[in-house]
Structure formats: C-alpha cells, structure tokens
Amino acid sequence: MSPEPPAAAVRRRVARVVLLDPEDRILLLHGFEPADPADDWWFTPGGGLEGDETREQAALRELAEETGITEVELGPVLWRRQCSFPFDGRRWDQDEWYFLARTTTTETAPAGLTELERRSVSGLRWWTSAELSAARETVYPTRLAELLRTLLDEGPPSTPVVLAPEIA
C-alpha cells in the first residue's frame, strides 16, 4: 500500500501587523508546530483574509482576535513577501502584506484564537529593537530585526519593500 500523497498546499492572502507601542516595542506571538512544541518561532500578528475582506480589514480583525488590541492607528504597508512552509501536516503558500500600526495599549487579551491557534500559540511579548537583534530564537520574517531597525531609523518606506521569498 502506497503512502498517502501530501495534502495540497493551502494558498492564502495574508495581512500581518507590525504593531508598535509608544516605546517603539514590537508585539510578537510565540508559536510552535502542534506535533512538536520544541519547533517554535516568533511572528507578527495576522492571518488570512476571510470572504471579501480587504487586507486592512483583515489586519485589524486578526489583531483584535490574536491580541485583544483594537485601539490602533493602522498605517501603510511596509513590506510584502511570498512564503511557503509546512505546518500542522499541510503546506501553506502565503502572499503576506505587513501593515504598520501604532497603539498606546500594551495589555493583551487574545480571546479570538482559532482552534489551530489555541493548539499552536503559547503567548505574546513586546520586544525592543535591541532585544530582537540579540534574539537567538527563530523570528519570521527572518530579517525582522533589521527591518524594524530600518523602520525606526528611517520611517516607513514610500512604497512597500518586497522581501525575498522564504521557502521552508
């Protein structure tokens, strides 16, 4: 008997949020592979578009669901990237747009996590640029520390920066 073929890739249009507090700290979620909690990483809030949502609407909805933070000023798209990775037994192909957002709220209350997120997200943390640069943990996108430093030093780009594709 031959093994089952891998499931087809899940293709998603994704909106992500680079959320900064008044001290210019960035909020990241800590995630892991459900079948292997030791395989973990940090990532920005965000997720796939639902129905006829715009990317802006999806960014705000996902931010509220994953962090409980709704008082934000959504800014421009900073970066765009294509990525493909295995997660929870499937391959995910994503077209990601990263929006800048600012908030004065630093209390988090992630009450709207999906079933998969409840099985694969272990918390959130505010990071300074220096902490992110010194981090030994895996962070996505992989150049986030450098991208954040450039953002804080130079401000948002005039047009979104297209990041190199990431294929895992």
N, C-alpha and C. Protein backbone atom coordinates (compact mmCIF):
# COMPACT_ATOMS: atom_id res chain seq x y z
N MET A 1 0.85 -1.18 0.00
CA MET A 1 0.00 0.00 0.00
C MET A 1 0.89 1.24 0.00
N SER A 2 0.64 2.15 -0.91
CA SER A 2 1.49 3.35 -1.01
C SER A 2 1.03 4.40 0.02
N PRO A 3 1.99 5.22 0.47
CA PRO A 3 1.62 6.25 1.44
C PRO A 3 0.69 7.27 0.81
N GLU A 4 -0.09 7.95 1.66
CA GLU A 4 -1.00 8.98 1.16
C GLU A 4 -0.19 10.15 0.62
N PRO A 5 -0.62 10.73 -0.49
CA PRO A 5 0.09 11.90 -1.01
C PRO A 5 -0.09 13.06 -0.03
N PRO A 6 0.89 13.97 0.00
CA PRO A 6 0.73 15.13 0.89
C PRO A 6 -0.48 15.96 0.47
N ALA A 7 -1.11 16.59 1.43
CA ALA A 7 -2.26 17.44 1.14
C ALA A 7 -1.79 18.61 0.27
N ALA A 8 -2.68 19.06 -0.58
CA ALA A 8 -2.36 20.21 -1.44
C ALA A 8 -2.06 21.43 -0.57
N ALA A 9 -1.22 22.29 -1.09
CA ALA A 9 -0.86 23.49 -0.36
C ALA A 9 -2.09 24.37 -0.14
N VAL A 10 -2.16 24.96 1.03
CA VAL A 10 -3.20 25.93 1.33
C VAL A 10 -2.67 27.29 0.87
N ARG A 11 -3.35 27.91 -0.08
CA ARG A 11 -2.91 29.21 -0.60
C ARG A 11 -3.72 30.30 0.09
N ARG A 12 -3.00 31.28 0.64
CA ARG A 12 -3.71 32.32 1.38
C ARG A 12 -3.15 33.71 1.09
N ARG A 13 -4.08 34.66 1.01
CA ARG A 13 -3.72 36.07 1.03
C ARG A 13 -3.75 36.46 2.50
N VAL A 14 -2.65 37.05 2.98
CA VAL A 14 -2.48 37.28 4.41
C VAL A 14 -2.18 38.76 4.68
N ALA A 15 -2.75 39.25 5.77
CA ALA A 15 -2.45 40.60 6.28
C ALA A 15 -1.78 40.43 7.64
N ARG A 16 -0.60 41.02 7.81
CA ARG A 16 0.13 40.96 9.07
C ARG A 16 0.32 42.38 9.61
N VAL A 17 0.56 42.46 10.92
CA VAL A 17 0.65 43.76 11.56
C VAL A 17 1.96 43.90 12.32
N VAL A 18 2.68 44.96 12.01
CA VAL A 18 3.88 45.34 12.75
C VAL A 18 3.38 46.37 13.76
N LEU A 19 3.01 45.88 14.95
CA LEU A 19 2.38 46.71 15.97
C LEU A 19 3.44 47.28 16.91
N LEU A 20 3.50 48.61 16.96
CA LEU A 20 4.46 49.29 17.81
C LEU A 20 3.74 50.04 18.92
N ASP A 21 4.31 49.98 20.12
CA ASP A 21 3.77 50.72 21.25
C ASP A 21 4.46 52.09 21.34
N PRO A 22 4.11 52.93 22.32
CA PRO A 22 4.74 54.26 22.41
C PRO A 22 6.26 54.23 22.61
N GLU A 23 6.79 53.11 23.08
CA GLU A 23 8.24 52.97 23.28
C GLU A 23 8.92 52.32 22.07
N ASP A 24 8.19 52.18 20.97
CA ASP A 24 8.68 51.55 19.74
C ASP A 24 9.00 50.07 19.92
N ARG A 25 8.36 49.42 20.88
CA ARG A 25 8.50 47.96 21.00
C ARG A 25 7.51 47.32 20.03
N ILE A 26 7.87 46.14 19.51
CA ILE A 26 7.03 45.41 18.57
C ILE A 26 6.42 44.21 19.29
N LEU A 27 5.15 43.94 19.00
CA LEU A 27 4.46 42.81 19.61
C LEU A 27 4.58 41.59 18.70
N LEU A 28 5.09 40.48 19.27
CA LEU A 28 5.21 39.23 18.53
C LEU A 28 4.50 38.12 19.29
N LEU A 29 3.96 37.17 18.53
CA LEU A 29 3.36 35.98 19.10
C LEU A 29 4.38 34.85 19.08
N HIS A 30 4.27 33.96 20.06
CA HIS A 30 5.17 32.79 20.13
C HIS A 30 4.37 31.58 19.69
N GLY A 31 4.80 30.97 18.57
CA GLY A 31 4.09 29.83 18.03
C GLY A 31 4.96 28.60 17.96
N PHE A 32 4.33 27.46 17.72
CA PHE A 32 5.06 26.21 17.61
C PHE A 32 4.27 25.23 16.76
N GLU A 33 4.99 24.24 16.26
CA GLU A 33 4.37 23.16 15.50
C GLU A 33 3.55 22.31 16.48
N PRO A 34 2.23 22.14 16.25
CA PRO A 34 1.42 21.40 17.21
C PRO A 34 1.95 20.00 17.54
N ALA A 35 2.51 19.31 16.56
CA ALA A 35 3.01 17.95 16.80
C ALA A 35 4.41 17.95 17.44
N ASP A 36 5.07 19.10 17.49
CA ASP A 36 6.43 19.18 18.03
C ASP A 36 6.65 20.55 18.68
N PRO A 37 6.20 20.75 19.93
CA PRO A 37 6.31 22.04 20.59
C PRO A 37 7.74 22.59 20.68
N ALA A 38 8.75 21.74 20.52
CA ALA A 38 10.13 22.24 20.54
C ALA A 38 10.47 23.00 19.25
N ASP A 39 9.69 22.80 18.19
CA ASP A 39 9.86 23.51 16.92
C ASP A 39 9.05 24.80 17.03
N ASP A 40 9.71 25.87 17.51
CA ASP A 40 8.98 27.09 17.81
C ASP A 40 9.60 28.32 17.16
N TRP A 41 8.86 29.41 17.15
CA TRP A 41 9.27 30.65 16.49
C TRP A 41 8.41 31.80 17.00
N TRP A 42 8.83 33.02 16.67
CA TRP A 42 8.09 34.25 16.96
C TRP A 42 7.62 34.84 15.63
N PHE A 43 6.45 35.48 15.65
CA PHE A 43 5.90 36.04 14.42
C PHE A 43 4.96 37.19 14.72
N THR A 44 4.69 38.00 13.72
CA THR A 44 3.79 39.14 13.87
C THR A 44 2.33 38.67 13.86
N PRO A 45 1.45 39.41 14.52
CA PRO A 45 0.02 39.08 14.44
C PRO A 45 -0.45 39.18 12.99
N GLY A 46 -1.46 38.40 12.68
CA GLY A 46 -2.05 38.47 11.35
C GLY A 46 -2.55 37.13 10.89
N GLY A 47 -3.16 37.12 9.72
CA GLY A 47 -3.69 35.88 9.18
C GLY A 47 -4.40 36.11 7.87
N GLY A 48 -5.08 35.06 7.43
CA GLY A 48 -5.71 35.06 6.12
C GLY A 48 -6.96 35.90 6.03
N LEU A 49 -7.20 36.43 4.83
CA LEU A 49 -8.41 37.18 4.56
C LEU A 49 -9.61 36.24 4.57
N GLU A 50 -10.74 36.75 5.05
CA GLU A 50 -11.98 35.99 5.06
C GLU A 50 -13.00 36.68 4.17
N GLY A 51 -13.67 35.87 3.34
CA GLY A 51 -14.71 36.43 2.47
C GLY A 51 -14.17 37.53 1.58
N ASP A 52 -14.89 38.66 1.55
CA ASP A 52 -14.49 39.77 0.70
C ASP A 52 -13.76 40.87 1.48
N GLU A 53 -13.14 40.49 2.60
CA GLU A 53 -12.38 41.45 3.40
C GLU A 53 -11.26 42.08 2.58
N THR A 54 -10.98 43.33 2.90
CA THR A 54 -9.77 43.96 2.37
C THR A 54 -8.61 43.53 3.27
N ARG A 55 -7.42 43.76 2.81
CA ARG A 55 -6.25 43.45 3.65
C ARG A 55 -6.28 44.28 4.93
N GLU A 56 -6.70 45.54 4.82
CA GLU A 56 -6.77 46.41 6.00
C GLU A 56 -7.76 45.86 7.02
N GLN A 57 -8.94 45.44 6.55
CA GLN A 57 -9.95 44.88 7.44
C GLN A 57 -9.43 43.59 8.10
N ALA A 58 -8.77 42.75 7.33
CA ALA A 58 -8.23 41.50 7.88
C ALA A 58 -7.16 41.79 8.92
N ALA A 59 -6.30 42.78 8.66
CA ALA A 59 -5.24 43.13 9.61
C ALA A 59 -5.85 43.53 10.95
N LEU A 60 -6.85 44.38 10.93
CA LEU A 60 -7.48 44.84 12.17
C LEU A 60 -8.23 43.72 12.87
N ARG A 61 -8.94 42.88 12.11
CA ARG A 61 -9.68 41.75 12.71
C ARG A 61 -8.71 40.77 13.36
N GLU A 62 -7.69 40.38 12.61
CA GLU A 62 -6.71 39.42 13.14
C GLU A 62 -6.02 39.98 14.39
N LEU A 63 -5.66 41.25 14.36
CA LEU A 63 -5.02 41.87 15.52
C LEU A 63 -5.93 41.79 16.74
N ALA A 64 -7.20 42.11 16.56
CA ALA A 64 -8.15 42.05 17.67
C ALA A 64 -8.30 40.62 18.18
N GLU A 65 -8.43 39.65 17.27
CA GLU A 65 -8.61 38.25 17.68
C GLU A 65 -7.39 37.70 18.42
N GLU A 66 -6.20 38.00 17.89
CA GLU A 66 -4.98 37.39 18.42
C GLU A 66 -4.39 38.13 19.62
N THR A 67 -4.73 39.41 19.78
CA THR A 67 -4.12 40.19 20.86
C THR A 67 -5.13 40.86 21.77
N GLY A 68 -6.37 41.04 21.30
CA GLY A 68 -7.37 41.79 22.05
C GLY A 68 -7.21 43.29 21.89
N ILE A 69 -6.23 43.72 21.13
CA ILE A 69 -5.97 45.16 20.96
C ILE A 69 -6.78 45.68 19.76
N THR A 70 -7.64 46.66 20.04
CA THR A 70 -8.48 47.24 19.00
C THR A 70 -8.22 48.73 18.80
N GLU A 71 -7.57 49.35 19.75
CA GLU A 71 -7.26 50.79 19.67
C GLU A 71 -5.93 50.96 18.93
N VAL A 72 -6.00 51.00 17.61
CA VAL A 72 -4.77 51.12 16.81
C VAL A 72 -4.95 52.14 15.71
N GLU A 73 -3.84 52.68 15.31
CA GLU A 73 -3.78 53.53 14.14
C GLU A 73 -3.07 52.72 13.07
N LEU A 74 -3.84 52.26 12.07
CA LEU A 74 -3.26 51.42 11.01
C LEU A 74 -2.58 52.31 9.99
N GLY A 75 -1.32 52.03 9.73
CA GLY A 75 -0.54 52.82 8.79
C GLY A 75 -0.38 52.11 7.45
N PRO A 76 0.66 52.47 6.75
CA PRO A 76 0.87 51.93 5.40
C PRO A 76 1.40 50.49 5.40
N VAL A 77 1.37 49.89 4.22
CA VAL A 77 2.01 48.59 4.03
C VAL A 77 3.51 48.84 3.97
N LEU A 78 4.24 48.15 4.84
CA LEU A 78 5.69 48.30 4.91
C LEU A 78 6.41 47.35 3.97
N TRP A 79 5.97 46.08 4.02
CA TRP A 79 6.69 45.02 3.33
C TRP A 79 5.67 44.06 2.73
N ARG A 80 6.12 43.35 1.69
CA ARG A 80 5.34 42.26 1.10
C ARG A 80 6.28 41.08 0.95
N ARG A 81 5.75 39.89 1.15
CA ARG A 81 6.60 38.71 0.95
C ARG A 81 5.74 37.51 0.57
N GLN A 82 6.37 36.62 -0.20
CA GLN A 82 5.80 35.32 -0.53
C GLN A 82 6.52 34.31 0.36
N CYS A 83 5.77 33.40 0.96
CA CYS A 83 6.42 32.36 1.76
C CYS A 83 5.66 31.06 1.61
N SER A 84 6.37 29.98 1.86
CA SER A 84 5.79 28.64 1.78
C SER A 84 6.44 27.81 2.88
N PHE A 85 5.60 27.12 3.66
CA PHE A 85 6.14 26.37 4.79
C PHE A 85 5.19 25.24 5.17
N PRO A 86 5.75 24.17 5.77
CA PRO A 86 4.89 23.12 6.30
C PRO A 86 4.44 23.49 7.71
N PHE A 87 3.17 23.22 8.01
CA PHE A 87 2.65 23.49 9.35
C PHE A 87 1.40 22.64 9.56
N ASP A 88 1.36 21.94 10.68
CA ASP A 88 0.21 21.12 11.06
C ASP A 88 -0.20 20.14 9.95
N GLY A 89 0.80 19.51 9.35
CA GLY A 89 0.53 18.47 8.36
C GLY A 89 0.17 18.96 6.97
N ARG A 90 0.26 20.27 6.73
CA ARG A 90 -0.08 20.82 5.41
C ARG A 90 1.02 21.78 4.97
N ARG A 91 1.04 22.11 3.70
CA ARG A 91 1.92 23.15 3.19
C ARG A 91 1.08 24.41 3.01
N TRP A 92 1.63 25.52 3.44
CA TRP A 92 0.96 26.81 3.36
C TRP A 92 1.75 27.71 2.42
N ASP A 93 1.10 28.23 1.39
CA ASP A 93 1.70 29.20 0.47
C ASP A 93 0.99 30.53 0.74
N GLN A 94 1.77 31.54 1.13
CA GLN A 94 1.15 32.79 1.55
C GLN A 94 1.72 33.99 0.81
N ASP A 95 0.83 34.91 0.49
CA ASP A 95 1.16 36.23 -0.05
C ASP A 95 0.88 37.19 1.11
N GLU A 96 1.93 37.65 1.79
CA GLU A 96 1.78 38.42 3.02
C GLU A 96 2.06 39.90 2.80
N TRP A 97 1.20 40.74 3.36
CA TRP A 97 1.38 42.19 3.40
C TRP A 97 1.52 42.57 4.86
N TYR A 98 2.55 43.33 5.19
CA TYR A 98 2.81 43.75 6.57
C TYR A 98 2.45 45.23 6.73
N PHE A 99 1.44 45.50 7.56
CA PHE A 99 0.99 46.86 7.83
C PHE A 99 1.66 47.40 9.08
N LEU A 100 2.03 48.66 9.07
CA LEU A 100 2.48 49.33 10.27
C LEU A 100 1.24 49.71 11.08
N ALA A 101 1.30 49.55 12.39
CA ALA A 101 0.22 50.02 13.27
C ALA A 101 0.84 50.50 14.56
N ARG A 102 0.20 51.50 15.14
CA ARG A 102 0.65 52.04 16.42
C ARG A 102 -0.50 51.96 17.42
N THR A 103 -0.12 51.74 18.69
CA THR A 103 -1.12 51.67 19.74
C THR A 103 -0.53 52.22 21.03
N THR A 104 -1.41 52.68 21.90
CA THR A 104 -0.98 53.05 23.25
C THR A 104 -1.34 51.94 24.23
N THR A 105 -2.08 50.94 23.75
CA THR A 105 -2.50 49.81 24.58
C THR A 105 -1.43 48.73 24.56
N THR A 106 -0.96 48.32 25.73
CA THR A 106 0.03 47.24 25.77
C THR A 106 -0.50 45.99 26.47
N GLU A 107 -1.67 46.07 27.09
CA GLU A 107 -2.31 44.90 27.69
C GLU A 107 -2.87 44.04 26.56
N THR A 108 -2.60 42.74 26.63
CA THR A 108 -3.13 41.85 25.60
C THR A 108 -4.13 40.87 26.22
N ALA A 109 -5.11 40.48 25.41
CA ALA A 109 -6.12 39.51 25.83
C ALA A 109 -6.59 38.76 24.59
N PRO A 110 -5.80 37.77 24.14
CA PRO A 110 -6.15 37.05 22.91
C PRO A 110 -7.35 36.12 23.11
N ALA A 111 -8.55 36.65 22.89
CA ALA A 111 -9.77 35.88 23.14
C ALA A 111 -10.38 35.28 21.88
N GLY A 112 -9.85 35.63 20.71
CA GLY A 112 -10.47 35.16 19.47
C GLY A 112 -9.64 34.18 18.68
N LEU A 113 -8.79 33.40 19.37
CA LEU A 113 -7.94 32.45 18.66
C LEU A 113 -8.75 31.31 18.06
N THR A 114 -8.36 30.88 16.87
CA THR A 114 -8.98 29.72 16.24
C THR A 114 -8.54 28.45 16.98
N GLU A 115 -9.16 27.35 16.66
CA GLU A 115 -8.79 26.07 17.29
C GLU A 115 -7.32 25.75 17.00
N LEU A 116 -6.86 25.96 15.77
CA LEU A 116 -5.47 25.71 15.42
C LEU A 116 -4.54 26.64 16.19
N GLU A 117 -4.91 27.91 16.30
CA GLU A 117 -4.08 28.86 17.06
C GLU A 117 -4.01 28.47 18.54
N ARG A 118 -5.11 27.99 19.10
CA ARG A 118 -5.08 27.56 20.51
C ARG A 118 -4.12 26.38 20.70
N ARG A 119 -3.95 25.57 19.65
CA ARG A 119 -3.03 24.43 19.73
C ARG A 119 -1.59 24.79 19.37
N SER A 120 -1.35 26.03 18.88
CA SER A 120 -0.01 26.33 18.36
C SER A 120 0.55 27.69 18.76
N VAL A 121 -0.13 28.43 19.61
CA VAL A 121 0.37 29.72 20.08
C VAL A 121 0.48 29.67 21.60
N SER A 122 1.66 30.00 22.12
CA SER A 122 1.88 29.88 23.56
C SER A 122 1.99 31.22 24.28
N GLY A 123 1.86 32.32 23.56
CA GLY A 123 1.90 33.61 24.23
C GLY A 123 2.34 34.73 23.31
N LEU A 124 2.47 35.91 23.91
CA LEU A 124 2.90 37.11 23.17
C LEU A 124 3.91 37.86 24.01
N ARG A 125 4.66 38.72 23.35
CA ARG A 125 5.66 39.50 24.07
C ARG A 125 5.98 40.77 23.28
N TRP A 126 6.18 41.87 24.00
CA TRP A 126 6.67 43.11 23.42
C TRP A 126 8.19 43.04 23.41
N TRP A 127 8.80 43.35 22.28
CA TRP A 127 10.26 43.30 22.10
C TRP A 127 10.79 44.69 21.74
N THR A 128 11.91 45.08 22.34
CA THR A 128 12.62 46.27 21.86
C THR A 128 13.41 45.86 20.63
N SER A 129 13.83 46.85 19.87
CA SER A 129 14.66 46.56 18.71
C SER A 129 15.95 45.86 19.13
N ALA A 130 16.56 46.30 20.22
CA ALA A 130 17.80 45.68 20.70
C ALA A 130 17.58 44.22 21.11
N GLU A 131 16.47 43.95 21.80
CA GLU A 131 16.16 42.57 22.20
C GLU A 131 15.96 41.69 20.97
N LEU A 132 15.28 42.22 19.97
CA LEU A 132 15.04 41.45 18.76
C LEU A 132 16.35 41.18 18.02
N SER A 133 17.23 42.17 17.97
CA SER A 133 18.53 41.99 17.32
C SER A 133 19.39 40.95 18.02
N ALA A 134 19.26 40.85 19.34
CA ALA A 134 20.06 39.91 20.12
C ALA A 134 19.41 38.53 20.26
N ALA A 135 18.18 38.39 19.79
CA ALA A 135 17.44 37.14 19.97
C ALA A 135 18.11 35.96 19.28
N ARG A 136 18.10 34.83 19.94
CA ARG A 136 18.61 33.59 19.36
C ARG A 136 17.47 32.72 18.85
N GLU A 137 16.24 33.11 19.16
CA GLU A 137 15.08 32.35 18.71
C GLU A 137 14.82 32.61 17.22
N THR A 138 14.05 31.74 16.60
CA THR A 138 13.63 31.93 15.22
C THR A 138 12.53 32.98 15.19
N VAL A 139 12.65 33.94 14.28
CA VAL A 139 11.67 35.01 14.12
C VAL A 139 11.33 35.12 12.64
N TYR A 140 10.03 35.30 12.35
CA TYR A 140 9.59 35.49 10.96
C TYR A 140 8.91 36.83 10.80
N PRO A 141 9.20 37.56 9.68
CA PRO A 141 10.14 37.18 8.65
C PRO A 141 11.57 37.18 9.21
N THR A 142 12.44 36.41 8.57
CA THR A 142 13.76 36.16 9.14
C THR A 142 14.60 37.42 9.32
N ARG A 143 14.38 38.46 8.59
CA ARG A 143 15.16 39.69 8.74
C ARG A 143 14.42 40.73 9.57
N LEU A 144 13.48 40.31 10.42
CA LEU A 144 12.63 41.27 11.13
C LEU A 144 13.44 42.25 11.97
N ALA A 145 14.48 41.81 12.66
CA ALA A 145 15.27 42.72 13.49
C ALA A 145 15.85 43.87 12.65
N GLU A 146 16.43 43.52 11.51
CA GLU A 146 17.00 44.53 10.61
C GLU A 146 15.91 45.43 10.02
N LEU A 147 14.80 44.84 9.63
CA LEU A 147 13.69 45.60 9.05
C LEU A 147 13.12 46.58 10.07
N LEU A 148 12.99 46.14 11.32
CA LEU A 148 12.46 47.01 12.37
C LEU A 148 13.42 48.17 12.64
N ARG A 149 14.72 47.87 12.71
CA ARG A 149 15.71 48.93 12.95
C ARG A 149 15.65 49.98 11.85
N THR A 150 15.56 49.54 10.61
CA THR A 150 15.45 50.47 9.48
C THR A 150 14.17 51.30 9.59
N LEU A 151 13.06 50.66 9.92
CA LEU A 151 11.78 51.35 10.09
C LEU A 151 11.89 52.43 11.16
N LEU A 152 12.48 52.09 12.31
CA LEU A 152 12.60 53.05 13.40
C LEU A 152 13.56 54.19 13.06
N ASP A 153 14.62 53.88 12.31
CA ASP A 153 15.61 54.89 11.94
C ASP A 153 15.14 55.80 10.81
N GLU A 154 14.45 55.22 9.83
CA GLU A 154 14.14 55.96 8.59
C GLU A 154 12.66 56.23 8.38
N GLY A 155 11.79 55.60 9.17
CA GLY A 155 10.36 55.73 8.96
C GLY A 155 9.88 54.76 7.90
N PRO A 156 8.58 54.74 7.66
CA PRO A 156 8.04 53.81 6.66
C PRO A 156 8.56 54.11 5.26
N PRO A 157 8.75 53.06 4.45
CA PRO A 157 9.18 53.28 3.06
C PRO A 157 8.07 53.96 2.26
N SER A 158 8.46 54.66 1.20
CA SER A 158 7.46 55.35 0.38
C SER A 158 6.58 54.37 -0.39
N THR A 159 7.12 53.21 -0.72
CA THR A 159 6.34 52.12 -1.32
C THR A 159 6.74 50.84 -0.60
N PRO A 160 5.85 49.85 -0.55
CA PRO A 160 6.20 48.62 0.18
C PRO A 160 7.47 47.96 -0.37
N VAL A 161 8.31 47.51 0.54
CA VAL A 161 9.53 46.78 0.19
C VAL A 161 9.15 45.33 -0.04
N VAL A 162 9.56 44.77 -1.18
CA VAL A 162 9.30 43.37 -1.47
C VAL A 162 10.46 42.55 -0.90
N LEU A 163 10.13 41.74 0.10
CA LEU A 163 11.15 40.90 0.75
C LEU A 163 11.41 39.66 -0.10
N ALA A 164 12.59 39.09 0.07
CA ALA A 164 12.91 37.85 -0.62
C ALA A 164 11.93 36.76 -0.19
N PRO A 165 11.52 35.90 -1.12
CA PRO A 165 10.64 34.79 -0.74
C PRO A 165 11.31 33.89 0.29
N GLU A 166 10.51 33.31 1.18
CA GLU A 166 11.01 32.36 2.16
C GLU A 166 10.29 31.03 1.94
N ILE A 167 11.08 30.00 1.66
CA ILE A 167 10.54 28.67 1.42
C ILE A 167 11.17 27.74 2.46
N ALA A 168 10.34 27.11 3.26
CA ALA A 168 10.85 26.19 4.28
C ALA A 168 10.43 24.77 3.94
